[in-house]
Amino acid sequence: MGVEENSVIENIKARRSVREYIDKDINDEDIKTIIDAGIHAPSGFDSQPWFFVVVKNREMMKRMSDHCKPRLLAMLDEATNDAAVEFKKELANDEFHIFYDAPVLIIVLGNNASVTADYDCALCAENMMLAAHSMGIGSCWIGTGCFIQDNPEILEELGITPDYRVIAPIVFGYPTTETEEIPKKEPEVVWIY
């Protein structure tokens, strides 16, 4: 006898990556709630290696976007699949903003001293995105944002010390529309009894 779907499972299945946001701020208390959900993720050796930078400054996000775009374009230079080709066109557009003009960017950083920081911070990030979705707030993990790691000036302005590395730059905001679900592939599973 299986378990019936509940609100947690429904929230997980309904969450989408949101790339279009209305021009409305998220209040600081809601941001604190999202971060609090994140820190309730498990972490190896209970290290809790995360550190957060909340960016609401649009000019800073634009500078970060401008720094990261050419780096991703260079990385995708040889990519030929349809999705990469389309994304390269967007990246080449001066108006394209890798953070999708979202009102908030939260950068989840991991302590370099923790051997499990990458996994721990990924779990933390997913908790944050699920919490946000349950609050009517959209989110999208912007992997391209990790390129700020090679810009000492931006890191200093953000208060990021060499003890930490960027793991999960996530934008948050109120979605303009409901995002369609992309069909999920049937998972490959091996059962051992």
N, C-alpha and C. Protein backbone atom coordinates (compact mmCIF):
# COMPACT_ATOMS: atom_id res chain seq x y z
N MET A 1 0.85 -1.18 0.00
CA MET A 1 0.00 0.00 0.00
C MET A 1 0.89 1.24 0.00
N GLY A 2 0.76 2.08 -1.02
CA GLY A 2 1.60 3.27 -1.13
C GLY A 2 1.06 4.44 -0.34
N VAL A 3 1.87 5.44 -0.24
CA VAL A 3 1.49 6.66 0.47
C VAL A 3 0.76 7.58 -0.50
N GLU A 4 -0.33 8.17 -0.05
CA GLU A 4 -1.04 9.13 -0.89
C GLU A 4 -0.20 10.40 -1.01
N GLU A 5 -0.40 11.09 -2.15
CA GLU A 5 0.31 12.36 -2.31
C GLU A 5 -0.13 13.32 -1.21
N ASN A 6 0.82 14.13 -0.74
CA ASN A 6 0.52 15.11 0.29
C ASN A 6 1.05 16.47 -0.17
N SER A 7 0.90 17.47 0.67
CA SER A 7 1.28 18.83 0.26
C SER A 7 2.77 18.96 -0.04
N VAL A 8 3.62 18.20 0.66
CA VAL A 8 5.06 18.27 0.40
C VAL A 8 5.37 17.73 -0.99
N ILE A 9 4.83 16.55 -1.30
CA ILE A 9 5.07 15.94 -2.61
C ILE A 9 4.48 16.81 -3.72
N GLU A 10 3.29 17.34 -3.48
CA GLU A 10 2.67 18.23 -4.48
C GLU A 10 3.52 19.46 -4.73
N ASN A 11 4.09 20.05 -3.66
CA ASN A 11 4.95 21.23 -3.80
C ASN A 11 6.20 20.89 -4.62
N ILE A 12 6.80 19.73 -4.34
CA ILE A 12 7.99 19.30 -5.09
C ILE A 12 7.66 19.16 -6.57
N LYS A 13 6.53 18.53 -6.87
CA LYS A 13 6.17 18.29 -8.27
C LYS A 13 5.73 19.56 -9.01
N ALA A 14 5.26 20.56 -8.28
CA ALA A 14 4.76 21.78 -8.90
C ALA A 14 5.84 22.85 -9.10
N ARG A 15 6.97 22.72 -8.40
CA ARG A 15 8.03 23.73 -8.51
C ARG A 15 8.61 23.75 -9.92
N ARG A 16 8.88 24.93 -10.44
CA ARG A 16 9.47 25.10 -11.78
C ARG A 16 10.58 26.14 -11.70
N SER A 17 11.48 26.08 -12.67
CA SER A 17 12.47 27.14 -12.81
C SER A 17 11.78 28.31 -13.50
N VAL A 18 11.80 29.46 -12.84
CA VAL A 18 11.09 30.64 -13.33
C VAL A 18 12.11 31.62 -13.91
N ARG A 19 11.83 32.10 -15.13
CA ARG A 19 12.76 33.01 -15.80
C ARG A 19 12.11 34.33 -16.20
N GLU A 20 10.88 34.57 -15.75
CA GLU A 20 10.20 35.84 -16.01
C GLU A 20 9.51 36.28 -14.73
N TYR A 21 9.85 37.49 -14.29
CA TYR A 21 9.34 37.99 -13.01
C TYR A 21 8.67 39.34 -13.16
N ILE A 22 7.65 39.58 -12.32
CA ILE A 22 7.05 40.91 -12.29
C ILE A 22 7.97 41.82 -11.48
N ASP A 23 7.80 43.11 -11.66
CA ASP A 23 8.64 44.08 -10.98
C ASP A 23 8.08 44.35 -9.59
N LYS A 24 8.29 43.41 -8.69
CA LYS A 24 7.78 43.52 -7.32
C LYS A 24 8.85 42.97 -6.38
N ASP A 25 9.15 43.73 -5.35
CA ASP A 25 10.17 43.34 -4.38
C ASP A 25 9.68 42.18 -3.51
N ILE A 26 10.62 41.43 -2.97
CA ILE A 26 10.31 40.41 -1.96
C ILE A 26 10.76 41.00 -0.63
N ASN A 27 9.88 40.99 0.37
CA ASN A 27 10.26 41.61 1.62
C ASN A 27 11.32 40.78 2.35
N ASP A 28 12.08 41.45 3.18
CA ASP A 28 13.22 40.82 3.86
C ASP A 28 12.80 39.67 4.77
N GLU A 29 11.63 39.76 5.36
CA GLU A 29 11.17 38.67 6.24
C GLU A 29 10.94 37.39 5.44
N ASP A 30 10.40 37.52 4.23
CA ASP A 30 10.21 36.34 3.37
C ASP A 30 11.56 35.76 2.95
N ILE A 31 12.52 36.64 2.68
CA ILE A 31 13.87 36.16 2.32
C ILE A 31 14.48 35.40 3.49
N LYS A 32 14.30 35.92 4.70
CA LYS A 32 14.82 35.22 5.88
C LYS A 32 14.15 33.86 6.05
N THR A 33 12.86 33.78 5.76
CA THR A 33 12.15 32.50 5.85
C THR A 33 12.72 31.50 4.85
N ILE A 34 13.01 31.97 3.63
CA ILE A 34 13.57 31.11 2.59
C ILE A 34 14.95 30.60 3.02
N ILE A 35 15.78 31.48 3.54
CA ILE A 35 17.11 31.07 4.01
C ILE A 35 17.01 30.11 5.19
N ASP A 36 16.06 30.38 6.08
CA ASP A 36 15.86 29.49 7.22
C ASP A 36 15.49 28.09 6.77
N ALA A 37 14.67 27.98 5.73
CA ALA A 37 14.34 26.66 5.19
C ALA A 37 15.60 25.99 4.65
N GLY A 38 16.47 26.79 4.04
CA GLY A 38 17.71 26.25 3.50
C GLY A 38 18.60 25.64 4.56
N ILE A 39 18.74 26.31 5.67
CA ILE A 39 19.68 25.83 6.69
C ILE A 39 19.16 24.61 7.45
N HIS A 40 17.93 24.20 7.15
CA HIS A 40 17.41 22.98 7.74
C HIS A 40 17.73 21.75 6.87
N ALA A 41 18.51 21.95 5.83
CA ALA A 41 18.97 20.82 5.02
C ALA A 41 20.01 20.02 5.80
N PRO A 42 20.15 18.74 5.48
CA PRO A 42 21.22 17.97 6.13
C PRO A 42 22.58 18.42 5.61
N SER A 43 23.61 18.18 6.40
CA SER A 43 24.97 18.48 5.95
C SER A 43 25.92 17.42 6.51
N GLY A 44 26.93 17.09 5.72
CA GLY A 44 27.89 16.07 6.14
C GLY A 44 28.59 16.49 7.42
N PHE A 45 28.66 15.57 8.36
CA PHE A 45 29.32 15.80 9.66
C PHE A 45 28.70 16.98 10.39
N ASP A 46 27.45 17.31 10.04
CA ASP A 46 26.74 18.46 10.61
C ASP A 46 27.58 19.74 10.50
N SER A 47 28.30 19.86 9.37
CA SER A 47 29.22 20.99 9.19
C SER A 47 28.51 22.31 8.91
N GLN A 48 27.28 22.24 8.36
CA GLN A 48 26.53 23.45 8.02
C GLN A 48 27.46 24.50 7.38
N PRO A 49 28.04 24.16 6.22
CA PRO A 49 29.11 24.98 5.64
C PRO A 49 28.66 26.18 4.84
N TRP A 50 27.39 26.55 4.92
CA TRP A 50 26.86 27.59 4.05
C TRP A 50 27.07 29.01 4.58
N PHE A 51 27.05 29.91 3.62
CA PHE A 51 27.14 31.35 3.87
C PHE A 51 26.30 31.98 2.77
N PHE A 52 25.56 33.01 3.07
CA PHE A 52 24.61 33.58 2.11
C PHE A 52 24.90 35.06 1.85
N VAL A 53 24.78 35.45 0.60
CA VAL A 53 24.83 36.85 0.23
C VAL A 53 23.52 37.15 -0.50
N VAL A 54 22.78 38.13 0.02
CA VAL A 54 21.51 38.53 -0.59
C VAL A 54 21.76 39.81 -1.37
N VAL A 55 21.49 39.76 -2.67
CA VAL A 55 21.72 40.92 -3.54
C VAL A 55 20.36 41.41 -4.04
N LYS A 56 20.03 42.65 -3.67
CA LYS A 56 18.81 43.29 -4.15
C LYS A 56 19.16 44.49 -5.04
N ASN A 57 20.43 44.78 -5.16
CA ASN A 57 20.92 45.91 -5.93
C ASN A 57 20.97 45.52 -7.41
N ARG A 58 20.09 46.11 -8.20
CA ARG A 58 19.97 45.75 -9.63
C ARG A 58 21.24 46.07 -10.41
N GLU A 59 21.90 47.17 -10.05
CA GLU A 59 23.13 47.54 -10.76
C GLU A 59 24.22 46.50 -10.51
N MET A 60 24.32 46.01 -9.28
CA MET A 60 25.29 44.97 -8.96
C MET A 60 24.99 43.70 -9.75
N MET A 61 23.71 43.33 -9.81
CA MET A 61 23.34 42.13 -10.57
C MET A 61 23.68 42.30 -12.05
N LYS A 62 23.49 43.51 -12.57
CA LYS A 62 23.84 43.76 -13.99
C LYS A 62 25.34 43.62 -14.21
N ARG A 63 26.12 44.15 -13.29
CA ARG A 63 27.59 44.01 -13.41
C ARG A 63 28.00 42.55 -13.35
N MET A 64 27.38 41.81 -12.45
CA MET A 64 27.69 40.38 -12.34
C MET A 64 27.31 39.65 -13.63
N SER A 65 26.14 39.98 -14.17
CA SER A 65 25.69 39.37 -15.42
C SER A 65 26.67 39.68 -16.55
N ASP A 66 27.07 40.94 -16.66
CA ASP A 66 28.01 41.34 -17.71
C ASP A 66 29.36 40.63 -17.59
N HIS A 67 29.76 40.35 -16.36
CA HIS A 67 31.02 39.62 -16.14
C HIS A 67 30.89 38.15 -16.56
N CYS A 68 29.75 37.55 -16.26
CA CYS A 68 29.58 36.11 -16.46
C CYS A 68 29.25 35.71 -17.90
N LYS A 69 28.51 36.53 -18.62
CA LYS A 69 28.03 36.17 -19.96
C LYS A 69 29.14 35.77 -20.92
N PRO A 70 30.21 36.56 -21.07
CA PRO A 70 31.24 36.16 -22.04
C PRO A 70 31.96 34.87 -21.63
N ARG A 71 32.03 34.59 -20.35
CA ARG A 71 32.69 33.37 -19.89
C ARG A 71 31.88 32.14 -20.28
N LEU A 72 30.57 32.24 -20.15
CA LEU A 72 29.74 31.11 -20.55
C LEU A 72 29.73 30.97 -22.07
N LEU A 73 29.69 32.09 -22.77
CA LEU A 73 29.75 32.04 -24.24
C LEU A 73 31.01 31.31 -24.70
N ALA A 74 32.14 31.61 -24.08
CA ALA A 74 33.39 30.95 -24.44
C ALA A 74 33.32 29.46 -24.12
N MET A 75 32.71 29.12 -23.00
CA MET A 75 32.61 27.72 -22.61
C MET A 75 31.70 26.94 -23.57
N LEU A 76 30.69 27.61 -24.11
CA LEU A 76 29.74 26.96 -25.02
C LEU A 76 30.16 27.06 -26.49
N ASP A 77 31.33 27.58 -26.74
CA ASP A 77 31.77 27.84 -28.10
C ASP A 77 31.59 26.65 -29.04
N GLU A 78 31.94 25.46 -28.58
CA GLU A 78 31.87 24.26 -29.42
C GLU A 78 30.52 23.54 -29.34
N ALA A 79 29.65 23.97 -28.46
CA ALA A 79 28.36 23.28 -28.27
C ALA A 79 27.48 23.47 -29.51
N THR A 80 26.86 22.38 -29.95
CA THR A 80 26.05 22.45 -31.17
C THR A 80 24.61 21.97 -30.98
N ASN A 81 24.26 21.49 -29.79
CA ASN A 81 22.86 21.04 -29.63
C ASN A 81 21.93 22.25 -29.67
N ASP A 82 20.68 22.00 -30.01
CA ASP A 82 19.72 23.08 -30.25
C ASP A 82 19.58 24.03 -29.08
N ALA A 83 19.49 23.48 -27.87
CA ALA A 83 19.31 24.33 -26.69
C ALA A 83 20.52 25.25 -26.49
N ALA A 84 21.73 24.71 -26.68
CA ALA A 84 22.94 25.52 -26.52
C ALA A 84 23.02 26.60 -27.59
N VAL A 85 22.66 26.27 -28.80
CA VAL A 85 22.70 27.24 -29.90
C VAL A 85 21.75 28.40 -29.61
N GLU A 86 20.54 28.09 -29.15
CA GLU A 86 19.57 29.13 -28.81
C GLU A 86 20.05 29.99 -27.65
N PHE A 87 20.63 29.33 -26.64
CA PHE A 87 21.09 30.07 -25.47
C PHE A 87 22.27 30.97 -25.82
N LYS A 88 23.15 30.51 -26.73
CA LYS A 88 24.27 31.35 -27.17
C LYS A 88 23.76 32.63 -27.83
N LYS A 89 22.65 32.54 -28.56
CA LYS A 89 22.07 33.74 -29.18
C LYS A 89 21.61 34.72 -28.10
N GLU A 90 20.98 34.19 -27.05
CA GLU A 90 20.53 35.05 -25.95
C GLU A 90 21.73 35.71 -25.26
N LEU A 91 22.77 34.91 -25.00
CA LEU A 91 23.95 35.44 -24.31
C LEU A 91 24.64 36.53 -25.12
N ALA A 92 24.59 36.43 -26.43
CA ALA A 92 25.23 37.42 -27.29
C ALA A 92 24.48 38.75 -27.32
N ASN A 93 23.23 38.75 -26.89
CA ASN A 93 22.41 39.95 -26.86
C ASN A 93 22.81 40.80 -25.65
N ASP A 94 23.20 42.04 -25.90
CA ASP A 94 23.63 42.95 -24.82
C ASP A 94 22.55 43.14 -23.77
N GLU A 95 21.29 43.06 -24.17
CA GLU A 95 20.17 43.29 -23.25
C GLU A 95 19.87 42.08 -22.36
N PHE A 96 20.38 40.91 -22.75
CA PHE A 96 20.07 39.70 -21.98
C PHE A 96 20.75 39.75 -20.62
N HIS A 97 20.00 39.41 -19.60
CA HIS A 97 20.45 39.47 -18.22
C HIS A 97 20.41 38.05 -17.67
N ILE A 98 21.54 37.50 -17.25
CA ILE A 98 21.55 36.10 -16.81
C ILE A 98 20.68 35.88 -15.58
N PHE A 99 20.39 36.94 -14.83
CA PHE A 99 19.56 36.82 -13.64
C PHE A 99 18.09 37.18 -13.93
N TYR A 100 17.76 37.31 -15.21
CA TYR A 100 16.38 37.50 -15.68
C TYR A 100 15.67 38.67 -15.01
N ASP A 101 16.44 39.70 -14.65
CA ASP A 101 15.87 40.89 -14.01
C ASP A 101 15.04 40.56 -12.78
N ALA A 102 15.41 39.50 -12.09
CA ALA A 102 14.71 39.13 -10.85
C ALA A 102 15.02 40.17 -9.78
N PRO A 103 14.12 40.36 -8.83
CA PRO A 103 14.34 41.36 -7.79
C PRO A 103 15.35 40.95 -6.72
N VAL A 104 15.61 39.64 -6.60
CA VAL A 104 16.52 39.16 -5.55
C VAL A 104 17.41 38.04 -6.09
N LEU A 105 18.66 38.12 -5.74
CA LEU A 105 19.63 37.04 -5.99
C LEU A 105 20.19 36.63 -4.63
N ILE A 106 20.07 35.35 -4.32
CA ILE A 106 20.71 34.84 -3.10
C ILE A 106 21.81 33.89 -3.55
N ILE A 107 23.02 34.20 -3.12
CA ILE A 107 24.16 33.35 -3.46
C ILE A 107 24.45 32.45 -2.26
N VAL A 108 24.38 31.15 -2.51
CA VAL A 108 24.72 30.18 -1.47
C VAL A 108 26.18 29.80 -1.69
N LEU A 109 26.99 30.06 -0.68
CA LEU A 109 28.43 29.77 -0.76
C LEU A 109 28.76 28.65 0.21
N GLY A 110 29.79 27.89 -0.13
CA GLY A 110 30.22 26.80 0.72
C GLY A 110 31.61 27.06 1.27
N ASN A 111 31.79 26.68 2.51
CA ASN A 111 33.09 26.84 3.17
C ASN A 111 34.09 25.86 2.56
N ASN A 112 35.24 26.37 2.12
CA ASN A 112 36.25 25.53 1.49
C ASN A 112 36.83 24.48 2.43
N ALA A 113 36.68 24.67 3.73
CA ALA A 113 37.21 23.70 4.69
C ALA A 113 36.32 22.46 4.80
N SER A 114 35.12 22.54 4.26
CA SER A 114 34.18 21.41 4.35
C SER A 114 34.30 20.52 3.12
N VAL A 115 34.54 19.23 3.34
CA VAL A 115 34.68 18.30 2.21
C VAL A 115 33.34 17.99 1.55
N THR A 116 32.25 18.29 2.23
CA THR A 116 30.92 18.00 1.67
C THR A 116 30.14 19.26 1.30
N ALA A 117 30.81 20.40 1.23
CA ALA A 117 30.11 21.67 1.00
C ALA A 117 29.29 21.69 -0.28
N ASP A 118 29.80 21.12 -1.37
CA ASP A 118 29.04 21.15 -2.63
C ASP A 118 27.70 20.45 -2.47
N TYR A 119 27.72 19.28 -1.85
CA TYR A 119 26.47 18.52 -1.66
C TYR A 119 25.56 19.23 -0.67
N ASP A 120 26.14 19.66 0.43
CA ASP A 120 25.36 20.30 1.49
C ASP A 120 24.66 21.56 0.97
N CYS A 121 25.39 22.37 0.23
CA CYS A 121 24.82 23.63 -0.27
C CYS A 121 23.79 23.37 -1.37
N ALA A 122 23.96 22.29 -2.13
CA ALA A 122 22.95 21.93 -3.13
C ALA A 122 21.65 21.54 -2.44
N LEU A 123 21.76 20.78 -1.35
CA LEU A 123 20.56 20.41 -0.57
C LEU A 123 19.91 21.66 0.02
N CYS A 124 20.72 22.56 0.53
CA CYS A 124 20.24 23.82 1.09
C CYS A 124 19.51 24.62 0.02
N ALA A 125 20.10 24.70 -1.17
CA ALA A 125 19.51 25.46 -2.28
C ALA A 125 18.15 24.89 -2.67
N GLU A 126 18.05 23.58 -2.74
CA GLU A 126 16.76 22.97 -3.11
C GLU A 126 15.70 23.26 -2.06
N ASN A 127 16.08 23.17 -0.78
CA ASN A 127 15.14 23.53 0.28
C ASN A 127 14.64 24.96 0.09
N MET A 128 15.55 25.87 -0.24
CA MET A 128 15.18 27.27 -0.43
C MET A 128 14.20 27.44 -1.59
N MET A 129 14.46 26.76 -2.70
CA MET A 129 13.60 26.89 -3.86
C MET A 129 12.22 26.28 -3.60
N LEU A 130 12.18 25.17 -2.88
CA LEU A 130 10.90 24.56 -2.53
C LEU A 130 10.12 25.44 -1.56
N ALA A 131 10.81 26.00 -0.58
CA ALA A 131 10.15 26.91 0.37
C ALA A 131 9.58 28.11 -0.37
N ALA A 132 10.37 28.70 -1.26
CA ALA A 132 9.91 29.86 -2.02
C ALA A 132 8.66 29.50 -2.82
N HIS A 133 8.69 28.36 -3.48
CA HIS A 133 7.52 27.95 -4.28
C HIS A 133 6.28 27.84 -3.41
N SER A 134 6.44 27.30 -2.22
CA SER A 134 5.29 27.15 -1.32
C SER A 134 4.74 28.51 -0.87
N MET A 135 5.55 29.56 -1.02
CA MET A 135 5.17 30.92 -0.63
C MET A 135 4.68 31.75 -1.82
N GLY A 136 4.59 31.11 -3.00
CA GLY A 136 4.16 31.82 -4.20
C GLY A 136 5.27 32.60 -4.86
N ILE A 137 6.52 32.30 -4.50
CA ILE A 137 7.69 32.98 -5.05
C ILE A 137 8.43 32.02 -5.97
N GLY A 138 8.74 32.48 -7.17
CA GLY A 138 9.46 31.66 -8.14
C GLY A 138 10.95 31.75 -7.91
N SER A 139 11.68 30.80 -8.50
CA SER A 139 13.14 30.79 -8.36
C SER A 139 13.78 30.11 -9.55
N CYS A 140 15.07 30.35 -9.70
CA CYS A 140 15.85 29.67 -10.73
C CYS A 140 17.32 29.66 -10.30
N TRP A 141 17.92 28.50 -10.31
CA TRP A 141 19.35 28.35 -10.00
C TRP A 141 20.10 28.79 -11.24
N ILE A 142 20.95 29.80 -11.11
CA ILE A 142 21.69 30.36 -12.25
C ILE A 142 23.15 29.92 -12.15
N GLY A 143 23.45 28.75 -12.70
CA GLY A 143 24.80 28.21 -12.63
C GLY A 143 25.85 29.14 -13.21
N THR A 144 25.46 29.89 -14.24
CA THR A 144 26.38 30.84 -14.88
C THR A 144 26.92 31.86 -13.88
N GLY A 145 26.14 32.16 -12.86
CA GLY A 145 26.55 33.12 -11.85
C GLY A 145 27.80 32.71 -11.09
N CYS A 146 28.14 31.43 -11.15
CA CYS A 146 29.35 30.96 -10.45
C CYS A 146 30.62 31.59 -11.01
N PHE A 147 30.55 32.14 -12.22
CA PHE A 147 31.74 32.77 -12.81
C PHE A 147 32.19 34.02 -12.05
N ILE A 148 31.37 34.53 -11.15
CA ILE A 148 31.83 35.68 -10.36
C ILE A 148 33.01 35.29 -9.47
N GLN A 149 33.18 33.99 -9.28
CA GLN A 149 34.27 33.50 -8.42
C GLN A 149 35.64 33.99 -8.91
N ASP A 150 35.76 34.26 -10.20
CA ASP A 150 37.07 34.70 -10.72
C ASP A 150 37.19 36.23 -10.82
N ASN A 151 36.31 36.95 -10.12
CA ASN A 151 36.37 38.41 -10.13
C ASN A 151 36.58 38.91 -8.69
N PRO A 152 37.84 39.12 -8.29
CA PRO A 152 38.13 39.54 -6.91
C PRO A 152 37.42 40.83 -6.50
N GLU A 153 37.25 41.74 -7.43
CA GLU A 153 36.60 43.02 -7.11
C GLU A 153 35.14 42.80 -6.72
N ILE A 154 34.42 42.02 -7.51
CA ILE A 154 33.01 41.74 -7.19
C ILE A 154 32.92 40.96 -5.89
N LEU A 155 33.79 39.95 -5.72
CA LEU A 155 33.76 39.16 -4.48
C LEU A 155 33.95 40.05 -3.26
N GLU A 156 34.88 40.98 -3.36
CA GLU A 156 35.14 41.88 -2.23
C GLU A 156 33.92 42.74 -1.94
N GLU A 157 33.30 43.28 -3.01
CA GLU A 157 32.11 44.12 -2.81
C GLU A 157 30.96 43.33 -2.19
N LEU A 158 30.91 42.03 -2.48
CA LEU A 158 29.85 41.19 -1.93
C LEU A 158 30.19 40.64 -0.54
N GLY A 159 31.39 40.92 -0.07
CA GLY A 159 31.79 40.44 1.25
C GLY A 159 32.14 38.96 1.28
N ILE A 160 32.54 38.43 0.12
CA ILE A 160 32.89 37.01 0.02
C ILE A 160 34.40 36.87 0.19
N THR A 161 34.79 36.15 1.22
CA THR A 161 36.21 35.95 1.51
C THR A 161 36.72 34.71 0.80
N PRO A 162 38.05 34.55 0.69
CA PRO A 162 38.62 33.37 0.03
C PRO A 162 38.28 32.04 0.73
N ASP A 163 37.71 32.11 1.93
CA ASP A 163 37.33 30.89 2.65
C ASP A 163 36.10 30.22 2.03
N TYR A 164 35.41 30.93 1.15
CA TYR A 164 34.16 30.42 0.58
C TYR A 164 34.19 30.41 -0.94
N ARG A 165 33.41 29.49 -1.52
CA ARG A 165 33.26 29.43 -2.97
C ARG A 165 31.78 29.48 -3.33
N VAL A 166 31.50 30.05 -4.48
CA VAL A 166 30.13 30.17 -4.96
C VAL A 166 29.64 28.80 -5.41
N ILE A 167 28.52 28.37 -4.87
CA ILE A 167 27.95 27.08 -5.25
C ILE A 167 26.60 27.23 -5.92
N ALA A 168 25.71 28.04 -5.34
CA ALA A 168 24.36 28.13 -5.89
C ALA A 168 23.85 29.57 -5.93
N PRO A 169 24.03 30.27 -7.06
CA PRO A 169 23.40 31.57 -7.22
C PRO A 169 21.95 31.34 -7.64
N ILE A 170 21.00 31.80 -6.84
CA ILE A 170 19.58 31.54 -7.13
C ILE A 170 18.83 32.86 -7.14
N VAL A 171 18.05 33.07 -8.21
CA VAL A 171 17.20 34.26 -8.26
C VAL A 171 15.81 33.92 -7.74
N PHE A 172 15.17 34.92 -7.15
CA PHE A 172 13.83 34.77 -6.60
C PHE A 172 12.97 35.96 -7.01
N GLY A 173 11.71 35.71 -7.24
CA GLY A 173 10.77 36.77 -7.57
C GLY A 173 9.39 36.20 -7.81
N TYR A 174 8.45 37.09 -8.03
CA TYR A 174 7.08 36.66 -8.30
C TYR A 174 6.93 36.42 -9.80
N PRO A 175 6.51 35.22 -10.19
CA PRO A 175 6.44 34.88 -11.62
C PRO A 175 5.41 35.71 -12.38
N THR A 176 5.70 35.99 -13.65
CA THR A 176 4.73 36.70 -14.49
C THR A 176 3.60 35.77 -14.91
N THR A 177 3.94 34.51 -15.17
CA THR A 177 2.95 33.51 -15.59
C THR A 177 3.31 32.18 -14.95
N GLU A 178 2.42 31.24 -15.08
CA GLU A 178 2.70 29.90 -14.59
C GLU A 178 3.55 29.18 -15.63
N THR A 179 4.63 28.56 -15.17
CA THR A 179 5.54 27.87 -16.08
C THR A 179 5.05 26.45 -16.33
N GLU A 180 5.04 26.07 -17.58
CA GLU A 180 4.59 24.72 -17.96
C GLU A 180 5.55 23.66 -17.44
N GLU A 181 5.01 22.50 -17.14
CA GLU A 181 5.86 21.38 -16.72
C GLU A 181 6.51 20.75 -17.95
N ILE A 182 7.78 20.47 -17.84
CA ILE A 182 8.48 19.73 -18.88
C ILE A 182 8.30 18.25 -18.55
N PRO A 183 7.84 17.46 -19.51
CA PRO A 183 7.63 16.03 -19.21
C PRO A 183 8.91 15.38 -18.67
N LYS A 184 8.72 14.58 -17.65
CA LYS A 184 9.85 13.89 -17.02
C LYS A 184 10.06 12.54 -17.69
N LYS A 185 11.31 12.20 -17.91
CA LYS A 185 11.63 10.88 -18.46
C LYS A 185 11.43 9.83 -17.37
N GLU A 186 11.06 8.67 -17.79
CA GLU A 186 10.92 7.56 -16.84
C GLU A 186 12.32 7.25 -16.30
N PRO A 187 12.48 7.21 -14.97
CA PRO A 187 13.83 6.98 -14.43
C PRO A 187 14.28 5.53 -14.63
N GLU A 188 15.57 5.38 -14.80
CA GLU A 188 16.14 4.03 -14.83
C GLU A 188 16.40 3.63 -13.38
N VAL A 189 15.83 2.53 -12.98
CA VAL A 189 15.94 2.09 -11.60
C VAL A 189 16.31 0.61 -11.57
N VAL A 190 17.28 0.26 -10.78
CA VAL A 190 17.61 -1.14 -10.56
C VAL A 190 17.13 -1.48 -9.15
N TRP A 191 16.34 -2.49 -9.04
CA TRP A 191 15.81 -2.94 -7.75
C TRP A 191 16.59 -4.17 -7.31
N ILE A 192 17.13 -4.13 -6.12
CA ILE A 192 17.84 -5.28 -5.56
C ILE A 192 17.05 -5.76 -4.35
N TYR A 193 16.57 -6.99 -4.42
CA TYR A 193 15.82 -7.55 -3.29
C TYR A 193 16.66 -8.58 -2.58
